[in-house]
Amino acid sequence: MKTRILDGKEVAQAIKEEVAAEIQKLAQENLVPGLATVLVGANPASQLYVRSKTRTCKELGMHSEAIQLSSQTTTEELLQVIDRLNQADEIDAILVQLPLPDQIDEERILLAVRPDKDVDGFHPQNVGHLVSGKVGLAPCTPMGIMYLLKREGVILKGAEAVVVGRSNLVGKPLAFLLLHQHATVTLCHSRTRDLPAVCRRADILVAAVGQPALLTRDYLKEGVVIIDVGTNRVESVEEGIRLFGKDSERIARIQAKGYTLVGDVHPRDPIGVAKAVTPVPGGVGPLTIAHLMKNTVTACTMRRGGK
């Protein structure tokens, strides 16, 4: 079987083009969507992610505010920042970059963000809407995955979907989004019995567990569509050869940069077995930022009365 590689960058560009058109319509009403990102500490990966969000806002003509706070910031200090952003009319969406330092009460922070500005869909009000099928602001990665499946013409109605990983950020919300499209959904986790057998039932297999190359050939049914959400670092040349093969360009990348990325699915095992698969990197990752922009426009339209 020929396995199609699903280009997340191409689909993300399509999302951004839709967003750009929506921003132009809002501009006719003198509305400019605004996104505020809040980063506590100096985690390099989080800093890179925030810079990418800010850059994308600028490209699309959106207002953005990037707030960088000390790693010693307290819960009360961060709550004051959230309160200011909640009241700022030019800010439609607030994103608190996770994880937060240990001294901060993450639950209090996420509850403090106004539901209509909760661009990540974490607030209980937005979670309730998602569960009931009234999807407004929902987590960006699952929403991006749904857009990808629709664009690629993957039939969801009646399909058996298996989601491996039950996080509040990806696994749980994606399970509900698939369910609302009439897929039959199994949500798996570390205590699932005979996980390979469960995965082999899947027409659509989503790997979002955070374990490098966990899902091997034994987990795959022929013709499955694989969505690999995992982003795991491989720093050893020996491990790189085991996963990618000694002639892979990934080995040179490890030698040059000190690491390469691998998903939760073994990178070579889907080829010739799966109908389609998202690569890592370049698959799900670009969809997340693109749909963050779309969520920001949605928040602006819902909150400030865009027609």
Protein backbone atom coordinates (compact mmCIF):
# COMPACT_ATOMS: atom_id res chain seq x y z
CA MET A 1 0.00 0.00 0.00
CA LYS A 2 1.22 3.50 -0.82
CA THR A 3 1.30 5.63 2.31
CA ARG A 4 0.43 9.30 1.90
CA ILE A 5 2.35 11.79 4.04
CA LEU A 6 -0.03 14.45 5.35
CA ASP A 7 1.65 17.86 5.08
CA GLY A 8 0.71 19.85 8.18
CA LYS A 9 2.43 22.97 6.88
CA GLU A 10 0.23 23.01 3.79
CA VAL A 11 -2.95 22.57 5.81
CA ALA A 12 -1.82 25.20 8.34
CA GLN A 13 -1.35 27.64 5.47
CA ALA A 14 -4.92 26.96 4.35
CA ILE A 15 -6.17 27.72 7.88
CA LYS A 16 -4.18 30.96 7.97
CA GLU A 17 -5.60 32.03 4.61
CA GLU A 18 -9.11 31.55 6.01
CA VAL A 19 -8.13 33.54 9.11
CA ALA A 20 -6.69 36.35 6.98
CA ALA A 21 -10.00 36.63 5.10
CA GLU A 22 -11.92 36.77 8.40
CA ILE A 23 -9.56 39.48 9.71
CA GLN A 24 -10.26 41.57 6.62
CA LYS A 25 -14.00 41.33 7.28
CA LEU A 26 -13.48 42.37 10.91
CA ALA A 27 -11.36 45.31 9.74
CA GLN A 28 -14.44 46.68 7.96
CA GLU A 29 -16.01 46.96 11.42
CA ASN A 30 -12.82 48.56 12.82
CA LEU A 31 -12.02 45.42 14.79
CA VAL A 32 -8.49 44.02 15.13
CA PRO A 33 -8.28 40.65 16.92
CA GLY A 34 -5.78 40.68 19.78
CA LEU A 35 -3.84 37.83 21.40
CA ALA A 36 -1.87 38.06 24.65
CA THR A 37 0.65 35.36 25.53
CA VAL A 38 2.00 35.03 29.06
CA LEU A 39 5.26 33.18 29.65
CA VAL A 40 6.64 32.60 33.14
CA GLY A 41 10.32 31.67 33.23
CA ALA A 42 12.82 31.08 30.46
CA ASN A 43 12.11 27.62 29.08
CA PRO A 44 13.76 27.67 25.61
CA ALA A 45 11.08 25.55 23.94
CA SER A 46 8.31 27.76 25.38
CA GLN A 47 10.15 30.92 24.33
CA LEU A 48 10.46 29.59 20.78
CA TYR A 49 6.77 28.69 20.72
CA VAL A 50 5.71 32.14 21.96
CA ARG A 51 7.93 33.89 19.39
CA SER A 52 6.33 31.81 16.66
CA LYS A 53 2.85 32.83 17.85
CA THR A 54 3.82 36.51 17.94
CA ARG A 55 5.35 36.32 14.47
CA THR A 56 2.24 34.66 13.04
CA CYS A 57 0.01 37.35 14.59
CA LYS A 58 2.10 40.01 12.87
CA GLU A 59 1.96 38.19 9.52
CA LEU A 60 -1.84 38.06 9.68
CA GLY A 61 -2.31 41.65 10.83
CA MET A 62 -3.44 40.84 14.37
CA HIS A 63 -2.58 42.69 17.55
CA SER A 64 -0.32 40.74 19.90
CA GLU A 65 1.13 41.29 23.35
CA ALA A 66 3.86 38.98 24.65
CA ILE A 67 4.36 39.14 28.42
CA GLN A 68 7.54 37.61 29.86
CA LEU A 69 7.63 37.14 33.65
CA SER A 70 10.34 35.97 36.02
CA SER A 71 10.53 32.32 36.99
CA GLN A 72 10.07 33.56 40.60
CA THR A 73 6.64 35.03 39.83
CA THR A 74 4.00 34.14 42.43
CA THR A 75 0.43 33.02 41.88
CA GLU A 76 -0.89 36.38 43.10
CA GLU A 77 1.39 38.34 40.78
CA LEU A 78 0.32 36.27 37.80
CA LEU A 79 -3.34 36.68 38.77
CA GLN A 80 -2.85 40.46 38.63
CA VAL A 81 -1.53 40.15 35.07
CA ILE A 82 -4.49 37.96 34.08
CA ASP A 83 -6.91 40.46 35.63
CA ARG A 84 -5.43 43.30 33.57
CA LEU A 85 -5.70 41.28 30.37
CA ASN A 86 -9.26 40.23 31.22
CA GLN A 87 -10.22 43.91 31.35
CA ALA A 88 -8.24 45.02 28.26
CA ASP A 89 -10.73 45.53 25.42
CA GLU A 90 -8.07 45.18 22.72
CA ILE A 91 -7.19 41.68 23.98
CA ASP A 92 -9.61 39.01 22.75
CA ALA A 93 -7.57 35.92 23.63
CA ILE A 94 -5.30 35.08 26.55
CA LEU A 95 -2.86 32.19 26.39
CA VAL A 96 -0.88 31.23 29.49
CA GLN A 97 2.04 29.11 28.33
CA LEU A 98 2.25 25.82 30.20
CA PRO A 99 3.84 24.32 32.19
CA LEU A 100 4.04 26.92 34.95
CA PRO A 101 6.70 26.88 37.71
CA ASP A 102 5.91 24.69 40.71
CA GLN A 103 5.17 27.60 43.05
CA ILE A 104 2.23 28.75 40.91
CA ASP A 105 -1.24 27.29 41.39
CA GLU A 106 -1.98 26.32 37.78
CA GLU A 107 -5.65 25.58 38.41
CA ARG A 108 -6.29 29.03 39.92
CA ILE A 109 -4.59 30.68 36.95
CA LEU A 110 -6.57 28.80 34.32
CA LEU A 111 -9.83 29.46 36.16
CA ALA A 112 -8.99 33.17 36.33
CA VAL A 113 -8.94 33.63 32.54
CA ARG A 114 -12.30 34.88 31.28
CA PRO A 115 -14.10 32.08 29.41
CA ASP A 116 -14.67 34.29 26.38
CA LYS A 117 -10.92 35.00 26.22
CA ASP A 118 -9.84 31.44 27.01
CA VAL A 119 -8.23 30.68 23.67
CA ASP A 120 -7.00 27.27 24.86
CA GLY A 121 -10.46 26.10 25.88
CA PHE A 122 -9.38 25.11 29.41
CA HIS A 123 -12.06 26.93 31.42
CA PRO A 124 -14.80 24.62 32.77
CA GLN A 125 -17.43 26.63 30.88
CA ASN A 126 -15.68 25.97 27.57
CA VAL A 127 -15.06 22.33 28.49
CA GLY A 128 -18.79 21.98 29.19
CA HIS A 129 -19.62 23.46 25.79
CA LEU A 130 -17.22 21.03 24.13
CA VAL A 131 -18.70 18.01 25.90
CA SER A 132 -22.26 19.03 25.04
CA GLY A 133 -21.42 19.62 21.39
CA LYS A 134 -21.62 23.43 21.46
CA VAL A 135 -18.02 23.93 20.35
CA GLY A 136 -16.82 27.51 20.65
CA LEU A 137 -13.31 27.86 22.05
CA ALA A 138 -11.69 24.41 22.19
CA PRO A 139 -8.03 23.34 22.47
CA CYS A 140 -6.08 24.30 19.36
CA THR A 141 -4.32 21.01 18.60
CA PRO A 142 -7.50 18.87 18.49
CA MET A 143 -9.29 21.54 16.44
CA GLY A 144 -6.39 21.61 13.99
CA ILE A 145 -6.47 17.81 13.72
CA MET A 146 -10.18 17.87 12.92
CA TYR A 147 -9.55 20.46 10.21
CA LEU A 148 -6.82 18.24 8.74
CA LEU A 149 -9.07 15.15 8.70
CA LYS A 150 -11.88 17.07 7.03
CA ARG A 151 -9.57 18.64 4.43
CA GLU A 152 -8.05 15.25 3.61
CA GLY A 153 -11.50 13.74 3.10
CA VAL A 154 -11.17 11.19 5.91
CA ILE A 155 -14.61 9.72 6.58
CA LEU A 156 -15.45 10.08 10.27
CA LYS A 157 -19.08 8.97 10.38
CA GLY A 158 -19.10 5.36 11.52
CA ALA A 159 -15.29 5.14 11.60
CA GLU A 160 -13.55 3.49 14.53
CA ALA A 161 -11.17 6.02 16.08
CA VAL A 162 -8.65 5.11 18.76
CA VAL A 163 -7.01 7.92 20.72
CA VAL A 164 -3.94 6.91 22.75
CA GLY A 165 -3.45 9.47 25.51
CA ARG A 166 -6.06 11.10 27.76
CA SER A 167 -4.62 14.56 28.42
CA ASN A 168 -6.92 17.55 28.86
CA LEU A 169 -5.00 19.30 26.09
CA VAL A 170 -5.30 16.71 23.30
CA GLY A 171 -6.72 13.27 24.07
CA LYS A 172 -9.97 14.08 25.89
CA PRO A 173 -11.09 17.05 23.76
CA LEU A 174 -10.22 15.25 20.53
CA ALA A 175 -12.26 12.23 21.62
CA PHE A 176 -15.33 14.46 22.03
CA LEU A 177 -14.74 16.25 18.72
CA LEU A 178 -14.54 12.89 16.92
CA LEU A 179 -17.62 11.66 18.77
CA HIS A 180 -19.59 14.73 17.66
CA GLN A 181 -18.76 13.76 14.06
CA HIS A 182 -20.29 10.31 14.67
CA ALA A 183 -17.05 8.33 14.95
CA THR A 184 -16.92 5.42 17.40
CA VAL A 185 -14.21 6.48 19.83
CA THR A 186 -11.99 4.47 22.18
CA LEU A 187 -9.83 6.56 24.54
CA CYS A 188 -6.77 4.62 25.69
CA HIS A 189 -4.21 5.19 28.42
CA SER A 190 -1.39 3.48 30.33
CA ARG A 191 -3.76 0.99 31.98
CA THR A 192 -5.53 -0.09 28.79
CA ARG A 193 -5.38 -3.89 28.47
CA ASP A 194 -3.69 -5.23 25.33
CA LEU A 195 -3.15 -1.81 23.78
CA PRO A 196 -1.82 -3.20 20.47
CA ALA A 197 -5.03 -5.19 19.94
CA VAL A 198 -7.18 -2.13 20.65
CA CYS A 199 -5.13 0.02 18.27
CA ARG A 200 -5.39 -2.58 15.50
CA ARG A 201 -9.15 -1.94 15.38
CA ALA A 202 -8.61 1.69 14.43
CA ASP A 203 -9.54 3.24 11.12
CA ILE A 204 -8.13 6.46 12.60
CA LEU A 205 -5.33 6.16 15.14
CA VAL A 206 -4.24 9.19 17.16
CA ALA A 207 -1.00 8.89 19.15
CA ALA A 208 -0.75 11.53 21.89
CA VAL A 209 0.97 9.79 24.76
CA GLY A 210 4.44 11.38 24.80
CA GLN A 211 6.53 8.21 24.49
CA PRO A 212 8.97 8.06 21.57
CA ALA A 213 8.16 5.44 18.92
CA LEU A 214 5.86 3.55 21.29
CA LEU A 215 3.41 2.46 18.59
CA THR A 216 5.09 -0.03 16.27
CA ARG A 217 3.89 -2.18 13.38
CA ASP A 218 2.08 -4.45 15.84
CA TYR A 219 -0.33 -1.61 16.66
CA LEU A 220 -1.37 -0.86 13.07
CA LYS A 221 -4.18 -2.14 10.87
CA GLU A 222 -3.62 -1.99 7.14
CA GLY A 223 -5.18 1.15 5.70
CA VAL A 224 -5.25 3.08 8.98
CA VAL A 225 -4.96 6.89 9.03
CA ILE A 226 -2.39 7.88 11.67
CA ILE A 227 -2.26 11.24 13.44
CA ASP A 228 0.98 11.42 15.40
CA VAL A 229 0.87 14.21 18.00
CA GLY A 230 4.09 13.18 19.77
CA THR A 231 7.14 15.44 19.77
CA ASN A 232 10.03 13.64 21.46
CA ARG A 233 13.74 14.45 21.32
CA VAL A 234 16.24 11.85 20.14
CA GLU A 235 19.78 12.88 21.12
CA SER A 236 21.73 9.63 20.68
CA VAL A 237 23.13 8.66 17.26
CA GLU A 238 22.68 4.99 18.18
CA GLU A 239 19.01 5.56 18.99
CA GLY A 240 18.64 7.58 15.80
CA ILE A 241 20.01 4.71 13.71
CA ARG A 242 17.62 2.28 15.42
CA LEU A 243 14.63 4.48 14.64
CA PHE A 244 15.48 6.01 11.27
CA GLY A 245 18.16 3.77 9.75
CA LYS A 246 21.86 4.49 9.37
CA ASP A 247 21.42 6.25 6.00
CA SER A 248 18.75 8.65 7.21
CA GLU A 249 19.38 12.40 7.04
CA ARG A 250 18.16 12.49 10.65
CA ILE A 251 21.51 11.09 11.80
CA ALA A 252 23.32 14.08 10.34
CA ARG A 253 20.81 16.34 12.10
CA ILE A 254 21.60 14.72 15.45
CA GLN A 255 25.30 15.19 14.82
CA ALA A 256 24.86 18.82 13.78
CA LYS A 257 22.18 20.03 16.23
CA GLY A 258 22.45 17.49 19.02
CA TYR A 259 18.96 16.12 18.53
CA THR A 260 16.13 15.31 16.15
CA LEU A 261 12.43 14.76 16.75
CA VAL A 262 10.40 11.58 16.66
CA GLY A 263 6.70 11.04 17.25
CA ASP A 264 4.86 8.49 19.36
CA VAL A 265 4.65 6.20 16.33
CA HIS A 266 7.76 4.41 15.06
CA PRO A 267 8.80 6.56 12.06
CA ARG A 268 9.37 3.69 9.61
CA ASP A 269 6.65 1.21 10.57
CA PRO A 270 3.61 2.98 9.00
CA ILE A 271 5.17 3.09 5.52
CA GLY A 272 3.42 0.58 3.28
CA VAL A 273 0.86 -0.23 5.99
CA ALA A 274 -0.99 3.01 6.76
CA LYS A 275 -3.17 4.81 4.25
CA ALA A 276 -1.85 8.15 5.52
CA VAL A 277 0.32 9.46 8.35
CA THR A 278 1.37 12.82 9.74
CA PRO A 279 5.16 13.28 9.91
CA VAL A 280 7.13 14.50 12.92
CA PRO A 281 8.10 17.27 12.60
CA GLY A 282 5.89 19.05 10.06
CA GLY A 283 2.61 17.29 10.78
CA VAL A 284 0.41 18.32 13.70
CA GLY A 285 2.72 21.04 15.06
CA PRO A 286 1.97 23.72 12.44
CA LEU A 287 -1.76 23.11 12.82
CA THR A 288 -1.68 24.14 16.49
CA ILE A 289 -0.43 27.68 15.92
CA ALA A 290 -2.64 28.13 12.85
CA HIS A 291 -5.73 27.17 14.81
CA LEU A 292 -4.67 29.41 17.69
CA MET A 293 -5.02 32.28 15.24
CA LYS A 294 -8.44 31.00 14.20
CA ASN A 295 -9.54 30.71 17.84
CA THR A 296 -8.40 34.30 18.44
CA VAL A 297 -10.56 35.53 15.57
CA THR A 298 -13.47 33.44 16.90
CA ALA A 299 -13.03 35.00 20.35
CA CYS A 300 -12.99 38.49 18.83
CA THR A 301 -16.13 37.81 16.82
CA MET A 302 -17.98 36.30 19.79
CA ARG A 303 -16.92 38.94 22.33
CA ARG A 304 -16.98 42.17 20.35
CA GLY A 305 -19.95 41.45 18.16
CA GLY A 306 -18.43 40.95 14.73
CA LYS A 307 -21.19 40.42 12.19
